Amino acid sequence: MGSRSNPQVSELASRIFIELASRVVLAPAQPDKPKPAPEVLARMSFKLAEAFVAVDEEHGSEPVTKAYEVKLSDVGGT
């Protein structure tokens, strides 16, 4: 699934990037752990978005309801 052909992936990646970038900027600096470059965050955002959309589509293909036998006594009848 190409992210350029799927606007859903691009939109989700943009939201993920904004969240990741804000967390990185607001995190306290640690001398032994440099902050990731914006390009790394962008790539990670697209990978996460693609994975999420793929699983969401896979999950969406499953039936929402299953066949259940409902008796009148189950719904308060006599």
PDB file of N, CA and C in Angstrom:
ATOM      1  N   MET A   1       0.840  -1.166   0.000  1.00  0.00           N
ATOM      2  CA  MET A   1       0.000   0.000   0.000  1.00  0.00           C
ATOM      3  C   MET A   1       0.884   1.227   0.000  1.00  0.00           C
ATOM      4  N   GLY A   2       0.814   2.015  -1.033  1.00  0.00           N
ATOM      5  CA  GLY A   2       1.619   3.224  -1.105  1.00  0.00           C
ATOM      6  C   GLY A   2       0.952   4.370  -0.369  1.00  0.00           C
ATOM      7  N   SER A   3       1.715   5.075   0.423  1.00  0.00           N
ATOM      8  CA  SER A   3       1.142   6.161   1.205  1.00  0.00           C
ATOM      9  C   SER A   3       0.736   7.335   0.319  1.00  0.00           C
ATOM     10  N   ARG A   4       1.387   7.496  -0.829  1.00  0.00           N
ATOM     11  CA  ARG A   4       1.038   8.606  -1.716  1.00  0.00           C
ATOM     12  C   ARG A   4      -0.322   8.385  -2.349  1.00  0.00           C
ATOM     13  N   SER A   5      -0.704   7.132  -2.566  1.00  0.00           N
ATOM     14  CA  SER A   5      -1.988   6.845  -3.186  1.00  0.00           C
ATOM     15  C   SER A   5      -3.096   6.725  -2.151  1.00  0.00           C
ATOM     16  N   ASN A   6      -2.754   6.774  -0.880  1.00  0.00           N
ATOM     17  CA  ASN A   6      -3.757   6.634   0.161  1.00  0.00           C
ATOM     18  C   ASN A   6      -3.754   7.873   1.058  1.00  0.00           C
ATOM     19  N   PRO A   7      -4.714   8.770   0.835  1.00  0.00           N
ATOM     20  CA  PRO A   7      -4.744   9.985   1.653  1.00  0.00           C
ATOM     21  C   PRO A   7      -4.993   9.695   3.125  1.00  0.00           C
ATOM     22  N   GLN A   8      -5.630   8.576   3.413  1.00  0.00           N
ATOM     23  CA  GLN A   8      -5.881   8.194   4.809  1.00  0.00           C
ATOM     24  C   GLN A   8      -4.558   7.979   5.544  1.00  0.00           C
ATOM     25  N   VAL A   9      -3.604   7.336   4.893  1.00  0.00           N
ATOM     26  CA  VAL A   9      -2.292   7.107   5.494  1.00  0.00           C
ATOM     27  C   VAL A   9      -1.569   8.437   5.691  1.00  0.00           C
ATOM     28  N   SER A  10      -1.618   9.299   4.691  1.00  0.00           N
ATOM     29  CA  SER A  10      -0.936  10.585   4.802  1.00  0.00           C
ATOM     30  C   SER A  10      -1.504  11.431   5.939  1.00  0.00           C
ATOM     31  N   GLU A  11      -2.808  11.468   6.055  1.00  0.00           N
ATOM     32  CA  GLU A  11      -3.445  12.250   7.123  1.00  0.00           C
ATOM     33  C   GLU A  11      -3.083  11.690   8.493  1.00  0.00           C
ATOM     34  N   LEU A  12      -3.148  10.382   8.631  1.00  0.00           N
ATOM     35  CA  LEU A  12      -2.806   9.759   9.907  1.00  0.00           C
ATOM     36  C   LEU A  12      -1.332   9.949  10.227  1.00  0.00           C
ATOM     37  N   ALA A  13      -0.469   9.811   9.237  1.00  0.00           N
ATOM     38  CA  ALA A  13       0.965  10.018   9.447  1.00  0.00           C
ATOM     39  C   ALA A  13       1.242  11.446   9.903  1.00  0.00           C
ATOM     40  N   SER A  14       0.534  12.392   9.338  1.00  0.00           N
ATOM     41  CA  SER A  14       0.695  13.789   9.736  1.00  0.00           C
ATOM     42  C   SER A  14       0.323  13.982  11.203  1.00  0.00           C
ATOM     43  N   ARG A  15      -0.762  13.388  11.614  1.00  0.00           N
ATOM     44  CA  ARG A  15      -1.185  13.496  13.025  1.00  0.00           C
ATOM     45  C   ARG A  15      -0.184  12.819  13.964  1.00  0.00           C
ATOM     46  N   ILE A  16       0.304  11.655  13.554  1.00  0.00           N
ATOM     47  CA  ILE A  16       1.289  10.939  14.369  1.00  0.00           C
ATOM     48  C   ILE A  16       2.567  11.764  14.469  1.00  0.00           C
ATOM     49  N   PHE A  17       3.008  12.337  13.334  1.00  0.00           N
ATOM     50  CA  PHE A  17       4.228  13.147  13.327  1.00  0.00           C
ATOM     51  C   PHE A  17       4.110  14.333  14.284  1.00  0.00           C
ATOM     52  N   ILE A  18       2.992  15.012  14.244  1.00  0.00           N
ATOM     53  CA  ILE A  18       2.790  16.168  15.126  1.00  0.00           C
ATOM     54  C   ILE A  18       2.880  15.743  16.589  1.00  0.00           C
ATOM     55  N   GLU A  19       2.263  14.626  16.918  1.00  0.00           N
ATOM     56  CA  GLU A  19       2.300  14.136  18.299  1.00  0.00           C
ATOM     57  C   GLU A  19       3.719  13.728  18.703  1.00  0.00           C
ATOM     58  N   LEU A  20       4.385  12.977  17.837  1.00  0.00           N
ATOM     59  CA  LEU A  20       5.757  12.551  18.152  1.00  0.00           C
ATOM     60  C   LEU A  20       6.695  13.751  18.287  1.00  0.00           C
ATOM     61  N   ALA A  21       6.596  14.680  17.348  1.00  0.00           N
ATOM     62  CA  ALA A  21       7.482  15.848  17.366  1.00  0.00           C
ATOM     63  C   ALA A  21       7.259  16.688  18.624  1.00  0.00           C
ATOM     64  N   SER A  22       6.013  16.866  19.005  1.00  0.00           N
ATOM     65  CA  SER A  22       5.752  17.656  20.212  1.00  0.00           C
ATOM     66  C   SER A  22       6.297  16.965  21.453  1.00  0.00           C
ATOM     67  N   ARG A  23       6.192  15.652  21.499  1.00  0.00           N
ATOM     68  CA  ARG A  23       6.739  14.921  22.652  1.00  0.00           C
ATOM     69  C   ARG A  23       8.264  14.999  22.694  1.00  0.00           C
ATOM     70  N   VAL A  24       8.892  14.931  21.525  1.00  0.00           N
ATOM     71  CA  VAL A  24      10.354  15.011  21.460  1.00  0.00           C
ATOM     72  C   VAL A  24      10.822  16.396  21.884  1.00  0.00           C
ATOM     73  N   VAL A  25      10.158  17.425  21.393  1.00  0.00           N
ATOM     74  CA  VAL A  25      10.556  18.799  21.724  1.00  0.00           C
ATOM     75  C   VAL A  25      10.372  19.078  23.214  1.00  0.00           C
ATOM     76  N   LEU A  26       9.288  18.580  23.792  1.00  0.00           N
ATOM     77  CA  LEU A  26       8.995  18.854  25.201  1.00  0.00           C
ATOM     78  C   LEU A  26       9.753  17.948  26.169  1.00  0.00           C
ATOM     79  N   ALA A  27      10.338  16.870  25.675  1.00  0.00           N
ATOM     80  CA  ALA A  27      11.077  15.950  26.545  1.00  0.00           C
ATOM     81  C   ALA A  27      12.359  16.619  27.027  1.00  0.00           C
ATOM     82  N   PRO A  28      12.711  16.371  28.277  1.00  0.00           N
ATOM     83  CA  PRO A  28      13.966  16.959  28.769  1.00  0.00           C
ATOM     84  C   PRO A  28      15.172  16.396  28.009  1.00  0.00           C
ATOM     85  N   ALA A  29      16.149  17.241  27.791  1.00  0.00           N
ATOM     86  CA  ALA A  29      17.355  16.828  27.075  1.00  0.00           C
ATOM     87  C   ALA A  29      18.173  15.869  27.924  1.00  0.00           C
ATOM     88  N   GLN A  30      18.680  14.843  27.267  1.00  0.00           N
ATOM     89  CA  GLN A  30      19.553  13.876  27.926  1.00  0.00           C
ATOM     90  C   GLN A  30      20.857  13.830  27.125  1.00  0.00           C
ATOM     91  N   PRO A  31      21.977  14.144  27.762  1.00  0.00           N
ATOM     92  CA  PRO A  31      23.243  14.215  27.020  1.00  0.00           C
ATOM     93  C   PRO A  31      23.644  12.891  26.367  1.00  0.00           C
ATOM     94  N   ASP A  32      23.303  11.780  26.970  1.00  0.00           N
ATOM     95  CA  ASP A  32      23.696  10.481  26.418  1.00  0.00           C
ATOM     96  C   ASP A  32      22.695   9.954  25.390  1.00  0.00           C
ATOM     97  N   LYS A  33      21.586  10.673  25.183  1.00  0.00           N
ATOM     98  CA  LYS A  33      20.545  10.213  24.270  1.00  0.00           C
ATOM     99  C   LYS A  33      20.089  11.388  23.401  1.00  0.00           C
ATOM    100  N   PRO A  34      20.660  11.535  22.202  1.00  0.00           N
ATOM    101  CA  PRO A  34      20.264  12.658  21.351  1.00  0.00           C
ATOM    102  C   PRO A  34      18.827  12.502  20.846  1.00  0.00           C
ATOM    103  N   LYS A  35      18.191  13.619  20.592  1.00  0.00           N
ATOM    104  CA  LYS A  35      16.825  13.600  20.070  1.00  0.00           C
ATOM    105  C   LYS A  35      16.850  13.191  18.601  1.00  0.00           C
ATOM    106  N   PRO A  36      15.861  12.412  18.148  1.00  0.00           N
ATOM    107  CA  PRO A  36      15.844  11.973  16.745  1.00  0.00           C
ATOM    108  C   PRO A  36      15.609  13.137  15.796  1.00  0.00           C
ATOM    109  N   ALA A  37      16.150  12.997  14.609  1.00  0.00           N
ATOM    110  CA  ALA A  37      15.980  14.004  13.561  1.00  0.00           C
ATOM    111  C   ALA A  37      14.531  13.993  13.073  1.00  0.00           C
ATOM    112  N   PRO A  38      14.029  15.119  12.597  1.00  0.00           N
ATOM    113  CA  PRO A  38      12.660  15.172  12.082  1.00  0.00           C
ATOM    114  C   PRO A  38      12.388  14.148  10.975  1.00  0.00           C
ATOM    115  N   GLU A  39      13.398  13.875  10.138  1.00  0.00           N
ATOM    116  CA  GLU A  39      13.218  12.892   9.063  1.00  0.00           C
ATOM    117  C   GLU A  39      12.945  11.504   9.626  1.00  0.00           C
ATOM    118  N   VAL A  40      13.601  11.173  10.722  1.00  0.00           N
ATOM    119  CA  VAL A  40      13.390   9.874  11.370  1.00  0.00           C
ATOM    120  C   VAL A  40      11.965   9.794  11.916  1.00  0.00           C
ATOM    121  N   LEU A  41      11.510  10.867  12.534  1.00  0.00           N
ATOM    122  CA  LEU A  41      10.147  10.901  13.056  1.00  0.00           C
ATOM    123  C   LEU A  41       9.115  10.798  11.934  1.00  0.00           C
ATOM    124  N   ALA A  42       9.390  11.450  10.809  1.00  0.00           N
ATOM    125  CA  ALA A  42       8.471  11.395   9.671  1.00  0.00           C
ATOM    126  C   ALA A  42       8.379   9.980   9.114  1.00  0.00           C
ATOM    127  N   ARG A  43       9.526   9.329   8.949  1.00  0.00           N
ATOM    128  CA  ARG A  43       9.515   7.939   8.452  1.00  0.00           C
ATOM    129  C   ARG A  43       8.769   7.020   9.415  1.00  0.00           C
ATOM    130  N   MET A  44       9.030   7.197  10.701  1.00  0.00           N
ATOM    131  CA  MET A  44       8.360   6.389  11.711  1.00  0.00           C
ATOM    132  C   MET A  44       6.850   6.634  11.672  1.00  0.00           C
ATOM    133  N   SER A  45       6.455   7.877  11.479  1.00  0.00           N
ATOM    134  CA  SER A  45       5.036   8.228  11.428  1.00  0.00           C
ATOM    135  C   SER A  45       4.337   7.521  10.272  1.00  0.00           C
ATOM    136  N   PHE A  46       4.987   7.507   9.102  1.00  0.00           N
ATOM    137  CA  PHE A  46       4.382   6.825   7.954  1.00  0.00           C
ATOM    138  C   PHE A  46       4.310   5.321   8.173  1.00  0.00           C
ATOM    139  N   LYS A  47       5.356   4.744   8.738  1.00  0.00           N
ATOM    140  CA  LYS A  47       5.333   3.294   8.996  1.00  0.00           C
ATOM    141  C   LYS A  47       4.217   2.941   9.975  1.00  0.00           C
ATOM    142  N   LEU A  48       4.072   3.727  11.029  1.00  0.00           N
ATOM    143  CA  LEU A  48       3.009   3.482  12.001  1.00  0.00           C
ATOM    144  C   LEU A  48       1.628   3.665  11.374  1.00  0.00           C
ATOM    145  N   ALA A  49       1.469   4.696  10.563  1.00  0.00           N
ATOM    146  CA  ALA A  49       0.184   4.945   9.906  1.00  0.00           C
ATOM    147  C   ALA A  49      -0.172   3.822   8.936  1.00  0.00           C
ATOM    148  N   GLU A  50       0.808   3.378   8.147  1.00  0.00           N
ATOM    149  CA  GLU A  50       0.557   2.280   7.204  1.00  0.00           C
ATOM    150  C   GLU A  50       0.161   1.008   7.938  1.00  0.00           C
ATOM    151  N   ALA A  51       0.838   0.713   9.035  1.00  0.00           N
ATOM    152  CA  ALA A  51       0.508  -0.480   9.814  1.00  0.00           C
ATOM    153  C   ALA A  51      -0.887  -0.361  10.415  1.00  0.00           C
ATOM    154  N   PHE A  52      -1.209   0.801  10.942  1.00  0.00           N
ATOM    155  CA  PHE A  52      -2.521   0.995  11.549  1.00  0.00           C
ATOM    156  C   PHE A  52      -3.638   0.843  10.522  1.00  0.00           C
ATOM    157  N   VAL A  53      -3.485   1.469   9.355  1.00  0.00           N
ATOM    158  CA  VAL A  53      -4.506   1.389   8.317  1.00  0.00           C
ATOM    159  C   VAL A  53      -4.658  -0.045   7.822  1.00  0.00           C
ATOM    160  N   ALA A  54      -3.556  -0.755   7.659  1.00  0.00           N
ATOM    161  CA  ALA A  54      -3.619  -2.147   7.201  1.00  0.00           C
ATOM    162  C   ALA A  54      -4.380  -3.020   8.200  1.00  0.00           C
ATOM    163  N   VAL A  55      -4.089  -2.872   9.466  1.00  0.00           N
ATOM    164  CA  VAL A  55      -4.781  -3.665  10.485  1.00  0.00           C
ATOM    165  C   VAL A  55      -6.236  -3.239  10.596  1.00  0.00           C
ATOM    166  N   ASP A  56      -6.496  -1.942  10.482  1.00  0.00           N
ATOM    167  CA  ASP A  56      -7.862  -1.441  10.547  1.00  0.00           C
ATOM    168  C   ASP A  56      -8.697  -2.007   9.404  1.00  0.00           C
ATOM    169  N   GLU A  57      -8.120  -2.040   8.195  1.00  0.00           N
ATOM    170  CA  GLU A  57      -8.833  -2.611   7.049  1.00  0.00           C
ATOM    171  C   GLU A  57      -9.045  -4.112   7.228  1.00  0.00           C
ATOM    172  N   GLU A  58      -8.038  -4.788   7.754  1.00  0.00           N
ATOM    173  CA  GLU A  58      -8.148  -6.225   8.014  1.00  0.00           C
ATOM    174  C   GLU A  58      -9.231  -6.479   9.051  1.00  0.00           C
ATOM    175  N   HIS A  59      -9.234  -5.689  10.089  1.00  0.00           N
ATOM    176  CA  HIS A  59     -10.227  -5.848  11.148  1.00  0.00           C
ATOM    177  C   HIS A  59     -11.623  -5.493  10.641  1.00  0.00           C
ATOM    178  N   GLY A  60     -11.700  -4.508   9.764  1.00  0.00           N
ATOM    179  CA  GLY A  60     -12.987  -4.077   9.226  1.00  0.00           C
ATOM    180  C   GLY A  60     -13.640  -5.111   8.327  1.00  0.00           C
ATOM    181  N   SER A  61     -12.881  -6.059   7.799  1.00  0.00           N
ATOM    182  CA  SER A  61     -13.450  -7.077   6.920  1.00  0.00           C
ATOM    183  C   SER A  61     -14.111  -8.206   7.694  1.00  0.00           C
ATOM    184  N   GLU A  62     -13.886  -8.253   9.007  1.00  0.00           N
ATOM    185  CA  GLU A  62     -14.525  -9.276   9.829  1.00  0.00           C
ATOM    186  C   GLU A  62     -15.976  -8.887  10.072  1.00  0.00           C
ATOM    187  N   PRO A  63     -16.854  -9.879  10.184  1.00  0.00           N
ATOM    188  CA  PRO A  63     -18.253  -9.540  10.442  1.00  0.00           C
ATOM    189  C   PRO A  63     -18.404  -8.842  11.794  1.00  0.00           C
ATOM    190  N   VAL A  64     -19.240  -7.839  11.815  1.00  0.00           N
ATOM    191  CA  VAL A  64     -19.438  -7.071  13.040  1.00  0.00           C
ATOM    192  C   VAL A  64     -20.310  -7.840  14.016  1.00  0.00           C
ATOM    193  N   THR A  65     -21.336  -8.473  13.516  1.00  0.00           N
ATOM    194  CA  THR A  65     -22.219  -9.245  14.382  1.00  0.00           C
ATOM    195  C   THR A  65     -22.184 -10.705  13.968  1.00  0.00           C
ATOM    196  N   LYS A  66     -22.367 -11.540  14.924  1.00  0.00           N
ATOM    197  CA  LYS A  66     -22.434 -12.968  14.664  1.00  0.00           C
ATOM    198  C   LYS A  66     -23.872 -13.411  14.898  1.00  0.00           C
ATOM    199  N   ALA A  67     -24.242 -14.544  14.359  1.00  0.00           N
ATOM    200  CA  ALA A  67     -25.601 -15.044  14.522  1.00  0.00           C
ATOM    201  C   ALA A  67     -25.797 -15.553  15.952  1.00  0.00           C
ATOM    202  N   TYR A  68     -26.803 -15.029  16.590  1.00  0.00           N
ATOM    203  CA  TYR A  68     -27.155 -15.452  17.939  1.00  0.00           C
ATOM    204  C   TYR A  68     -28.615 -15.861  17.944  1.00  0.00           C
ATOM    205  N   GLU A  69     -28.907 -16.842  18.759  1.00  0.00           N
ATOM    206  CA  GLU A  69     -30.292 -17.262  18.913  1.00  0.00           C
ATOM    207  C   GLU A  69     -30.851 -16.502  20.108  1.00  0.00           C
ATOM    208  N   VAL A  70     -31.873 -15.707  19.863  1.00  0.00           N
ATOM    209  CA  VAL A  70     -32.488 -14.925  20.931  1.00  0.00           C
ATOM    210  C   VAL A  70     -33.878 -15.487  21.167  1.00  0.00           C
ATOM    211  N   LYS A  71     -34.131 -15.823  22.423  1.00  0.00           N
ATOM    212  CA  LYS A  71     -35.450 -16.352  22.801  1.00  0.00           C
ATOM    213  C   LYS A  71     -36.228 -15.242  23.476  1.00  0.00           C
ATOM    214  N   LEU A  72     -37.527 -15.389  23.483  1.00  0.00           N
ATOM    215  CA  LEU A  72     -38.377 -14.394  24.106  1.00  0.00           C
ATOM    216  C   LEU A  72     -38.031 -14.240  25.581  1.00  0.00           C
ATOM    217  N   SER A  73     -37.661 -15.328  26.243  1.00  0.00           N
ATOM    218  CA  SER A  73     -37.311 -15.259  27.662  1.00  0.00           C
ATOM    219  C   SER A  73     -36.011 -14.484  27.899  1.00  0.00           C
ATOM    220  N   ASP A  74     -35.177 -14.373  26.882  1.00  0.00           N
ATOM    221  CA  ASP A  74     -33.922 -13.620  26.998  1.00  0.00           C
ATOM    222  C   ASP A  74     -34.159 -12.117  27.066  1.00  0.00           C
ATOM    223  N   VAL A  75     -35.278 -11.658  26.531  1.00  0.00           N
ATOM    224  CA  VAL A  75     -35.543 -10.228  26.496  1.00  0.00           C
ATOM    225  C   VAL A  75     -36.636  -9.800  27.462  1.00  0.00           C
ATOM    226  N   GLY A  76     -36.915 -10.649  28.448  1.00  0.00           N
ATOM    227  CA  GLY A  76     -37.857 -10.274  29.500  1.00  0.00           C
ATOM    228  C   GLY A  76     -39.273 -10.770  29.263  1.00  0.00           C
ATOM    229  N   GLY A  77     -39.491 -11.506  28.179  1.00  0.00           N
ATOM    230  CA  GLY A  77     -40.818 -12.059  27.952  1.00  0.00           C
ATOM    231  C   GLY A  77     -41.026 -13.302  28.789  1.00  0.00           C
ATOM    232  N   THR A  78     -42.249 -13.806  28.812  1.00  0.00           N
ATOM    233  CA  THR A  78     -42.543 -15.009  29.612  1.00  0.00           C
ATOM    234  C   THR A  78     -42.638 -16.238  28.769  1.00  0.00           C
TER     235      THR A  78
END
